[in-house]
Amino acid sequence: MSSTERSHDHTACIKSALHNADLVCRRAGARLTPLRRQVLELVWQSHKPLGAYALMEMLQANSDRKRVAPPTVYRALDFLIEQRLIHKVHSLNAYLGCSNPRGDHSDALFICTQCGFTEEVPSHSIQQAINLSASQQRFTVQQKVLEIVGICGECRGSNG
């Protein structure tokens, strides 16, 4: 765990994410069920992407349910993605909380291969270039996922 993450208050992140989720779902007329809320809360417990099976195990450990079936978790994740409350990190087949669910999604995910810390970073100029290129090709963009994999400053600093 990096020193940045040690000093970071995840409780504030979780509280903000749940507040935003309530607002987003209310505006969309969507229902944030207790299970969906719990999955979102678990996703926000760190800034490292979590896989569906890790989430399933965490749900089982933190609930009265003896078993949480994979389809149940995947349905909750699909709902959270649809409401733009989380991102799917395709290169890791994992999920990460969205830091700006009410805003324009023109961000990139910077993923550290050493510590796993993942950060959402604005990338408006890159997204504009993608949109321009798509327009020139008469291509309609339905989804933009930009994942940049490397080593974060904290890990790079600890390696010399």
N, C-alpha and C. Protein backbone atom coordinates (compact mmCIF):
# COMPACT_ATOMS: atom_id res chain seq x y z
N MET A 1 0.85 -1.17 0.00
CA MET A 1 0.00 0.00 0.00
C MET A 1 0.90 1.23 0.00
N SER A 2 0.65 2.17 -0.89
CA SER A 2 1.47 3.36 -0.99
C SER A 2 1.18 4.30 0.17
N SER A 3 2.11 5.24 0.43
CA SER A 3 1.88 6.20 1.51
C SER A 3 0.71 7.11 1.18
N THR A 4 0.49 7.39 -0.11
CA THR A 4 -0.66 8.19 -0.52
C THR A 4 -1.94 7.50 -0.12
N GLU A 5 -2.01 6.19 -0.37
CA GLU A 5 -3.22 5.45 -0.06
C GLU A 5 -3.40 5.30 1.45
N ARG A 6 -2.28 5.17 2.20
CA ARG A 6 -2.37 5.05 3.65
C ARG A 6 -2.97 6.32 4.25
N SER A 7 -2.61 7.48 3.72
CA SER A 7 -3.08 8.75 4.27
C SER A 7 -4.43 9.15 3.70
N HIS A 8 -4.92 8.44 2.74
CA HIS A 8 -6.19 8.75 2.07
C HIS A 8 -7.37 8.25 2.89
N ASP A 9 -8.43 9.06 2.96
CA ASP A 9 -9.63 8.71 3.73
C ASP A 9 -10.66 8.06 2.81
N HIS A 10 -10.68 6.72 2.78
CA HIS A 10 -11.64 6.01 1.93
C HIS A 10 -13.07 6.20 2.41
N THR A 11 -13.26 6.47 3.69
CA THR A 11 -14.60 6.68 4.22
C THR A 11 -15.26 7.86 3.50
N ALA A 12 -14.49 8.92 3.27
CA ALA A 12 -15.02 10.09 2.56
C ALA A 12 -15.36 9.73 1.11
N CYS A 13 -14.50 8.94 0.47
CA CYS A 13 -14.76 8.50 -0.91
C CYS A 13 -16.06 7.69 -0.97
N ILE A 14 -16.20 6.77 -0.05
CA ILE A 14 -17.39 5.91 -0.04
C ILE A 14 -18.64 6.74 0.20
N LYS A 15 -18.57 7.65 1.17
CA LYS A 15 -19.72 8.50 1.49
C LYS A 15 -20.12 9.35 0.28
N SER A 16 -19.14 9.93 -0.39
CA SER A 16 -19.40 10.74 -1.58
C SER A 16 -19.97 9.90 -2.71
N ALA A 17 -19.40 8.71 -2.92
CA ALA A 17 -19.87 7.81 -3.99
C ALA A 17 -21.32 7.40 -3.75
N LEU A 18 -21.67 7.09 -2.52
CA LEU A 18 -23.04 6.68 -2.21
C LEU A 18 -24.01 7.85 -2.35
N HIS A 19 -23.58 9.03 -1.94
CA HIS A 19 -24.42 10.23 -2.12
C HIS A 19 -24.66 10.49 -3.61
N ASN A 20 -23.60 10.45 -4.41
CA ASN A 20 -23.74 10.64 -5.86
C ASN A 20 -24.62 9.57 -6.48
N ALA A 21 -24.47 8.34 -6.01
CA ALA A 21 -25.29 7.23 -6.54
C ALA A 21 -26.77 7.48 -6.27
N ASP A 22 -27.08 7.94 -5.07
CA ASP A 22 -28.47 8.27 -4.75
C ASP A 22 -29.02 9.33 -5.70
N LEU A 23 -28.23 10.38 -5.94
CA LEU A 23 -28.66 11.46 -6.84
C LEU A 23 -28.83 10.98 -8.27
N VAL A 24 -27.85 10.25 -8.76
CA VAL A 24 -27.87 9.75 -10.14
C VAL A 24 -29.08 8.83 -10.35
N CYS A 25 -29.29 7.91 -9.43
CA CYS A 25 -30.40 6.95 -9.57
C CYS A 25 -31.75 7.65 -9.45
N ARG A 26 -31.85 8.59 -8.53
CA ARG A 26 -33.11 9.33 -8.38
C ARG A 26 -33.45 10.07 -9.67
N ARG A 27 -32.44 10.74 -10.26
CA ARG A 27 -32.67 11.49 -11.51
C ARG A 27 -33.06 10.57 -12.66
N ALA A 28 -32.48 9.38 -12.68
CA ALA A 28 -32.73 8.43 -13.77
C ALA A 28 -33.98 7.59 -13.53
N GLY A 29 -34.55 7.70 -12.34
CA GLY A 29 -35.70 6.85 -12.00
C GLY A 29 -35.29 5.41 -11.83
N ALA A 30 -34.03 5.20 -11.46
CA ALA A 30 -33.50 3.85 -11.28
C ALA A 30 -33.45 3.53 -9.79
N ARG A 31 -33.50 2.25 -9.47
CA ARG A 31 -33.55 1.83 -8.07
C ARG A 31 -32.19 1.31 -7.61
N LEU A 32 -31.63 2.00 -6.62
CA LEU A 32 -30.37 1.56 -6.02
C LEU A 32 -30.73 0.64 -4.86
N THR A 33 -30.83 -0.65 -5.17
CA THR A 33 -31.23 -1.64 -4.18
C THR A 33 -30.12 -1.79 -3.12
N PRO A 34 -30.46 -2.38 -1.98
CA PRO A 34 -29.42 -2.59 -0.96
C PRO A 34 -28.21 -3.38 -1.49
N LEU A 35 -28.45 -4.39 -2.32
CA LEU A 35 -27.34 -5.16 -2.89
C LEU A 35 -26.48 -4.30 -3.81
N ARG A 36 -27.09 -3.54 -4.69
CA ARG A 36 -26.35 -2.66 -5.59
C ARG A 36 -25.54 -1.65 -4.80
N ARG A 37 -26.14 -1.11 -3.77
CA ARG A 37 -25.48 -0.14 -2.90
C ARG A 37 -24.28 -0.79 -2.21
N GLN A 38 -24.45 -2.02 -1.75
CA GLN A 38 -23.38 -2.73 -1.06
C GLN A 38 -22.22 -3.02 -2.03
N VAL A 39 -22.54 -3.42 -3.26
CA VAL A 39 -21.51 -3.67 -4.27
C VAL A 39 -20.74 -2.37 -4.54
N LEU A 40 -21.45 -1.27 -4.70
CA LEU A 40 -20.81 0.02 -4.95
C LEU A 40 -19.89 0.39 -3.78
N GLU A 41 -20.36 0.18 -2.59
CA GLU A 41 -19.56 0.48 -1.40
C GLU A 41 -18.28 -0.37 -1.38
N LEU A 42 -18.38 -1.62 -1.73
CA LEU A 42 -17.21 -2.50 -1.75
C LEU A 42 -16.22 -2.07 -2.84
N VAL A 43 -16.74 -1.68 -4.00
CA VAL A 43 -15.87 -1.22 -5.09
C VAL A 43 -15.06 0.00 -4.63
N TRP A 44 -15.68 0.86 -3.83
CA TRP A 44 -15.03 2.09 -3.40
C TRP A 44 -14.12 1.91 -2.18
N GLN A 45 -13.97 0.71 -1.65
CA GLN A 45 -13.12 0.53 -0.47
C GLN A 45 -11.64 0.77 -0.74
N SER A 46 -11.24 0.74 -1.99
CA SER A 46 -9.87 1.09 -2.34
C SER A 46 -9.88 1.67 -3.75
N HIS A 47 -8.76 2.18 -4.16
CA HIS A 47 -8.66 2.71 -5.52
C HIS A 47 -7.95 1.71 -6.42
N LYS A 48 -8.21 0.45 -6.13
CA LYS A 48 -7.68 -0.63 -6.96
C LYS A 48 -8.87 -1.37 -7.56
N PRO A 49 -8.83 -1.65 -8.85
CA PRO A 49 -9.93 -2.39 -9.47
C PRO A 49 -10.14 -3.75 -8.82
N LEU A 50 -11.40 -4.12 -8.66
CA LEU A 50 -11.75 -5.41 -8.06
C LEU A 50 -12.49 -6.27 -9.07
N GLY A 51 -12.15 -7.54 -9.10
CA GLY A 51 -12.83 -8.48 -9.98
C GLY A 51 -14.18 -8.90 -9.39
N ALA A 52 -15.04 -9.42 -10.22
CA ALA A 52 -16.38 -9.83 -9.79
C ALA A 52 -16.33 -10.92 -8.72
N TYR A 53 -15.40 -11.85 -8.85
CA TYR A 53 -15.34 -12.93 -7.87
C TYR A 53 -14.81 -12.45 -6.53
N ALA A 54 -13.90 -11.49 -6.55
CA ALA A 54 -13.43 -10.89 -5.29
C ALA A 54 -14.60 -10.17 -4.62
N LEU A 55 -15.38 -9.45 -5.42
CA LEU A 55 -16.56 -8.78 -4.88
C LEU A 55 -17.56 -9.78 -4.31
N MET A 56 -17.73 -10.89 -5.00
CA MET A 56 -18.65 -11.93 -4.54
C MET A 56 -18.21 -12.46 -3.17
N GLU A 57 -16.92 -12.71 -3.03
CA GLU A 57 -16.40 -13.19 -1.74
C GLU A 57 -16.57 -12.14 -0.64
N MET A 58 -16.33 -10.88 -0.98
CA MET A 58 -16.50 -9.80 -0.01
C MET A 58 -17.96 -9.67 0.40
N LEU A 59 -18.86 -9.82 -0.55
CA LEU A 59 -20.29 -9.76 -0.23
C LEU A 59 -20.68 -10.87 0.73
N GLN A 60 -20.20 -12.06 0.45
CA GLN A 60 -20.50 -13.20 1.31
C GLN A 60 -19.96 -12.98 2.72
N ALA A 61 -18.76 -12.40 2.81
CA ALA A 61 -18.13 -12.17 4.11
C ALA A 61 -18.83 -11.06 4.90
N ASN A 62 -19.47 -10.13 4.17
CA ASN A 62 -20.09 -8.97 4.82
C ASN A 62 -21.61 -9.00 4.84
N SER A 63 -22.20 -10.17 4.66
CA SER A 63 -23.66 -10.22 4.66
C SER A 63 -24.16 -11.49 5.33
N ASP A 64 -25.46 -11.57 5.49
CA ASP A 64 -26.10 -12.73 6.08
C ASP A 64 -26.23 -13.88 5.08
N ARG A 65 -26.02 -13.57 3.81
CA ARG A 65 -26.16 -14.59 2.77
C ARG A 65 -25.05 -15.62 2.88
N LYS A 66 -25.41 -16.87 2.74
CA LYS A 66 -24.39 -17.92 2.77
C LYS A 66 -23.65 -17.98 1.45
N ARG A 67 -24.37 -17.69 0.37
CA ARG A 67 -23.77 -17.75 -0.96
C ARG A 67 -24.35 -16.63 -1.80
N VAL A 68 -23.49 -15.96 -2.53
CA VAL A 68 -23.91 -14.93 -3.47
C VAL A 68 -23.56 -15.47 -4.85
N ALA A 69 -24.55 -15.69 -5.68
CA ALA A 69 -24.33 -16.28 -7.00
C ALA A 69 -23.69 -15.27 -7.95
N PRO A 70 -22.78 -15.73 -8.81
CA PRO A 70 -22.14 -14.82 -9.77
C PRO A 70 -23.12 -13.97 -10.59
N PRO A 71 -24.23 -14.54 -11.11
CA PRO A 71 -25.15 -13.70 -11.88
C PRO A 71 -25.70 -12.51 -11.07
N THR A 72 -25.88 -12.71 -9.77
CA THR A 72 -26.37 -11.64 -8.91
C THR A 72 -25.37 -10.49 -8.87
N VAL A 73 -24.10 -10.82 -8.73
CA VAL A 73 -23.05 -9.80 -8.68
C VAL A 73 -22.93 -9.12 -10.04
N TYR A 74 -22.94 -9.92 -11.12
CA TYR A 74 -22.82 -9.34 -12.46
C TYR A 74 -24.00 -8.42 -12.79
N ARG A 75 -25.20 -8.77 -12.36
CA ARG A 75 -26.35 -7.89 -12.59
C ARG A 75 -26.18 -6.56 -11.85
N ALA A 76 -25.69 -6.63 -10.63
CA ALA A 76 -25.45 -5.40 -9.86
C ALA A 76 -24.37 -4.56 -10.54
N LEU A 77 -23.30 -5.19 -10.99
CA LEU A 77 -22.22 -4.47 -11.69
C LEU A 77 -22.73 -3.85 -12.99
N ASP A 78 -23.52 -4.60 -13.75
CA ASP A 78 -24.09 -4.07 -15.00
C ASP A 78 -24.94 -2.83 -14.72
N PHE A 79 -25.75 -2.88 -13.66
CA PHE A 79 -26.57 -1.73 -13.29
C PHE A 79 -25.68 -0.53 -12.95
N LEU A 80 -24.64 -0.75 -12.16
CA LEU A 80 -23.76 0.34 -11.74
C LEU A 80 -23.01 0.94 -12.93
N ILE A 81 -22.64 0.11 -13.90
CA ILE A 81 -22.01 0.61 -15.12
C ILE A 81 -23.01 1.42 -15.93
N GLU A 82 -24.21 0.88 -16.08
CA GLU A 82 -25.27 1.56 -16.84
C GLU A 82 -25.58 2.94 -16.26
N GLN A 83 -25.52 3.05 -14.95
CA GLN A 83 -25.79 4.33 -14.29
C GLN A 83 -24.54 5.21 -14.22
N ARG A 84 -23.44 4.71 -14.79
CA ARG A 84 -22.16 5.43 -14.84
C ARG A 84 -21.57 5.69 -13.46
N LEU A 85 -21.81 4.74 -12.54
CA LEU A 85 -21.30 4.87 -11.18
C LEU A 85 -19.97 4.15 -11.00
N ILE A 86 -19.68 3.22 -11.90
CA ILE A 86 -18.40 2.50 -11.89
C ILE A 86 -17.91 2.36 -13.33
N HIS A 87 -16.64 2.03 -13.45
CA HIS A 87 -16.03 1.74 -14.74
C HIS A 87 -15.62 0.28 -14.76
N LYS A 88 -15.69 -0.33 -15.92
CA LYS A 88 -15.08 -1.64 -16.09
C LYS A 88 -13.68 -1.40 -16.63
N VAL A 89 -12.70 -1.97 -15.95
CA VAL A 89 -11.31 -1.89 -16.40
C VAL A 89 -11.09 -3.14 -17.23
N HIS A 90 -11.22 -3.00 -18.52
CA HIS A 90 -11.22 -4.14 -19.43
C HIS A 90 -9.92 -4.93 -19.40
N SER A 91 -8.80 -4.23 -19.31
CA SER A 91 -7.51 -4.94 -19.33
C SER A 91 -7.32 -5.84 -18.12
N LEU A 92 -8.05 -5.56 -17.04
CA LEU A 92 -7.94 -6.36 -15.81
C LEU A 92 -9.20 -7.19 -15.53
N ASN A 93 -10.23 -7.00 -16.35
CA ASN A 93 -11.52 -7.62 -16.11
C ASN A 93 -11.96 -7.37 -14.67
N ALA A 94 -11.94 -6.07 -14.32
CA ALA A 94 -12.24 -5.66 -12.96
C ALA A 94 -13.03 -4.35 -12.99
N TYR A 95 -13.40 -3.86 -11.82
CA TYR A 95 -14.29 -2.71 -11.71
C TYR A 95 -13.71 -1.68 -10.76
N LEU A 96 -13.98 -0.40 -11.07
CA LEU A 96 -13.45 0.72 -10.31
C LEU A 96 -14.54 1.77 -10.19
N GLY A 97 -14.63 2.40 -9.04
CA GLY A 97 -15.61 3.46 -8.84
C GLY A 97 -15.34 4.65 -9.74
N CYS A 98 -16.39 5.26 -10.24
CA CYS A 98 -16.27 6.45 -11.09
C CYS A 98 -16.25 7.68 -10.20
N SER A 99 -15.21 8.49 -10.34
CA SER A 99 -15.06 9.67 -9.49
C SER A 99 -15.95 10.84 -9.91
N ASN A 100 -16.54 10.78 -11.09
CA ASN A 100 -17.39 11.88 -11.55
C ASN A 100 -18.61 11.32 -12.29
N PRO A 101 -19.51 10.64 -11.57
CA PRO A 101 -20.64 9.99 -12.26
C PRO A 101 -21.66 10.96 -12.85
N ARG A 102 -21.65 12.20 -12.38
CA ARG A 102 -22.63 13.16 -12.90
C ARG A 102 -22.06 14.02 -14.01
N GLY A 103 -20.76 13.86 -14.31
CA GLY A 103 -20.13 14.68 -15.32
C GLY A 103 -19.91 13.95 -16.63
N ASP A 104 -19.24 14.64 -17.53
CA ASP A 104 -18.90 14.09 -18.84
C ASP A 104 -17.81 13.04 -18.66
N HIS A 105 -17.99 11.90 -19.26
CA HIS A 105 -17.01 10.83 -19.15
C HIS A 105 -15.98 10.94 -20.27
N SER A 106 -14.99 11.75 -20.02
CA SER A 106 -13.89 11.88 -20.98
C SER A 106 -12.58 11.69 -20.23
N ASP A 107 -12.55 10.65 -19.43
CA ASP A 107 -11.39 10.39 -18.61
C ASP A 107 -10.62 9.18 -19.10
N ALA A 108 -9.39 9.10 -18.63
CA ALA A 108 -8.54 7.94 -18.89
C ALA A 108 -8.26 7.28 -17.54
N LEU A 109 -8.05 5.99 -17.57
CA LEU A 109 -7.69 5.26 -16.35
C LEU A 109 -6.20 4.98 -16.39
N PHE A 110 -5.46 5.49 -15.42
CA PHE A 110 -4.04 5.24 -15.30
C PHE A 110 -3.88 4.11 -14.29
N ILE A 111 -3.30 3.00 -14.72
CA ILE A 111 -3.23 1.78 -13.92
C ILE A 111 -1.78 1.43 -13.63
N CYS A 112 -1.43 1.36 -12.34
CA CYS A 112 -0.06 1.00 -11.96
C CYS A 112 0.08 -0.53 -11.93
N THR A 113 1.06 -1.02 -12.68
CA THR A 113 1.27 -2.47 -12.75
C THR A 113 1.93 -3.03 -11.49
N GLN A 114 2.51 -2.16 -10.67
CA GLN A 114 3.19 -2.64 -9.48
C GLN A 114 2.27 -2.68 -8.26
N CYS A 115 1.57 -1.59 -7.97
CA CYS A 115 0.74 -1.55 -6.75
C CYS A 115 -0.74 -1.71 -7.04
N GLY A 116 -1.14 -1.58 -8.31
CA GLY A 116 -2.53 -1.75 -8.68
C GLY A 116 -3.37 -0.48 -8.54
N PHE A 117 -2.79 0.59 -7.96
CA PHE A 117 -3.54 1.83 -7.81
C PHE A 117 -3.99 2.31 -9.18
N THR A 118 -5.25 2.68 -9.28
CA THR A 118 -5.81 3.14 -10.55
C THR A 118 -6.48 4.47 -10.32
N GLU A 119 -6.21 5.41 -11.20
CA GLU A 119 -6.74 6.77 -11.05
C GLU A 119 -7.42 7.21 -12.34
N GLU A 120 -8.54 7.86 -12.17
CA GLU A 120 -9.28 8.44 -13.28
C GLU A 120 -8.74 9.85 -13.52
N VAL A 121 -8.27 10.13 -14.74
CA VAL A 121 -7.64 11.40 -15.05
C VAL A 121 -8.34 12.02 -16.26
N PRO A 122 -8.69 13.32 -16.19
CA PRO A 122 -9.32 13.98 -17.34
C PRO A 122 -8.43 13.89 -18.58
N SER A 123 -9.05 13.60 -19.71
CA SER A 123 -8.29 13.48 -20.96
C SER A 123 -9.08 14.11 -22.11
N HIS A 124 -9.53 15.34 -21.89
CA HIS A 124 -10.41 16.00 -22.87
C HIS A 124 -9.76 16.12 -24.26
N SER A 125 -8.48 16.47 -24.32
CA SER A 125 -7.85 16.65 -25.64
C SER A 125 -7.75 15.31 -26.37
N ILE A 126 -7.47 14.24 -25.66
CA ILE A 126 -7.40 12.92 -26.29
C ILE A 126 -8.79 12.51 -26.78
N GLN A 127 -9.79 12.75 -25.95
CA GLN A 127 -11.16 12.39 -26.33
C GLN A 127 -11.62 13.22 -27.53
N GLN A 128 -11.23 14.49 -27.59
CA GLN A 128 -11.58 15.32 -28.75
C GLN A 128 -10.93 14.77 -30.02
N ALA A 129 -9.70 14.31 -29.90
CA ALA A 129 -9.01 13.73 -31.07
C ALA A 129 -9.73 12.45 -31.52
N ILE A 130 -10.18 11.65 -30.57
CA ILE A 130 -10.93 10.43 -30.92
C ILE A 130 -12.22 10.81 -31.64
N ASN A 131 -12.93 11.79 -31.09
CA ASN A 131 -14.20 12.22 -31.71
C ASN A 131 -13.98 12.78 -33.11
N LEU A 132 -12.92 13.57 -33.31
CA LEU A 132 -12.62 14.12 -34.62
C LEU A 132 -12.31 13.01 -35.61
N SER A 133 -11.45 12.08 -35.20
CA SER A 133 -11.09 10.96 -36.06
C SER A 133 -12.32 10.13 -36.41
N ALA A 134 -13.16 9.87 -35.44
CA ALA A 134 -14.39 9.10 -35.68
C ALA A 134 -15.29 9.84 -36.66
N SER A 135 -15.43 11.14 -36.48
CA SER A 135 -16.26 11.94 -37.36
C SER A 135 -15.74 11.90 -38.80
N GLN A 136 -14.44 11.98 -38.94
CA GLN A 136 -13.84 11.93 -40.27
C GLN A 136 -14.08 10.58 -40.94
N GLN A 137 -14.20 9.54 -40.16
CA GLN A 137 -14.46 8.20 -40.68
C GLN A 137 -15.96 7.90 -40.76
N ARG A 138 -16.77 8.89 -40.40
CA ARG A 138 -18.23 8.73 -40.35
C ARG A 138 -18.58 7.54 -39.44
N PHE A 139 -17.90 7.52 -38.31
CA PHE A 139 -18.04 6.44 -37.33
C PHE A 139 -18.71 7.01 -36.09
N THR A 140 -19.68 6.30 -35.57
CA THR A 140 -20.37 6.74 -34.35
C THR A 140 -19.77 6.01 -33.15
N VAL A 141 -19.18 6.78 -32.26
CA VAL A 141 -18.57 6.22 -31.05
C VAL A 141 -19.67 5.92 -30.05
N GLN A 142 -19.71 4.71 -29.57
CA GLN A 142 -20.70 4.33 -28.56
C GLN A 142 -20.08 4.27 -27.17
N GLN A 143 -18.80 3.98 -27.12
CA GLN A 143 -18.13 3.87 -25.84
C GLN A 143 -16.66 4.16 -26.03
N LYS A 144 -16.09 4.92 -25.09
CA LYS A 144 -14.66 5.21 -25.13
C LYS A 144 -14.05 4.73 -23.82
N VAL A 145 -13.11 3.83 -23.92
CA VAL A 145 -12.41 3.34 -22.75
C VAL A 145 -10.93 3.51 -23.01
N LEU A 146 -10.31 4.37 -22.26
CA LEU A 146 -8.89 4.63 -22.43
C LEU A 146 -8.18 4.18 -21.16
N GLU A 147 -7.36 3.13 -21.28
CA GLU A 147 -6.63 2.58 -20.15
C GLU A 147 -5.14 2.71 -20.44
N ILE A 148 -4.45 3.37 -19.54
CA ILE A 148 -3.02 3.57 -19.69
C ILE A 148 -2.34 2.81 -18.56
N VAL A 149 -1.48 1.87 -18.93
CA VAL A 149 -0.83 1.00 -17.96
C VAL A 149 0.63 1.39 -17.83
N GLY A 150 1.10 1.51 -16.61
CA GLY A 150 2.49 1.87 -16.36
C GLY A 150 2.81 1.78 -14.89
N ILE A 151 3.74 2.63 -14.44
CA ILE A 151 4.16 2.63 -13.05
C ILE A 151 3.90 4.01 -12.47
N CYS A 152 3.19 4.04 -11.34
CA CYS A 152 2.84 5.32 -10.70
C CYS A 152 4.10 5.97 -10.09
N GLY A 153 4.00 7.25 -9.81
CA GLY A 153 5.12 7.99 -9.24
C GLY A 153 5.57 7.44 -7.90
N GLU A 154 4.62 6.97 -7.10
CA GLU A 154 4.95 6.41 -5.78
C GLU A 154 5.82 5.16 -5.95
N CYS A 155 5.44 4.24 -6.84
CA CYS A 155 6.22 3.02 -7.06
C CYS A 155 7.54 3.32 -7.76
N ARG A 156 7.51 4.22 -8.73
CA ARG A 156 8.73 4.59 -9.44
C ARG A 156 9.72 5.21 -8.46
N GLY A 157 9.22 6.02 -7.52
CA GLY A 157 10.08 6.65 -6.52
C GLY A 157 10.69 5.64 -5.57
N SER A 158 9.96 4.57 -5.25
CA SER A 158 10.47 3.56 -4.33
C SER A 158 11.44 2.60 -4.99
N ASN A 159 11.51 2.64 -6.34
CA ASN A 159 12.43 1.75 -7.06
C ASN A 159 13.69 2.44 -7.50
N GLY A 160 13.89 3.67 -7.05
CA GLY A 160 15.14 4.34 -7.38
C GLY A 160 14.89 5.47 -8.24
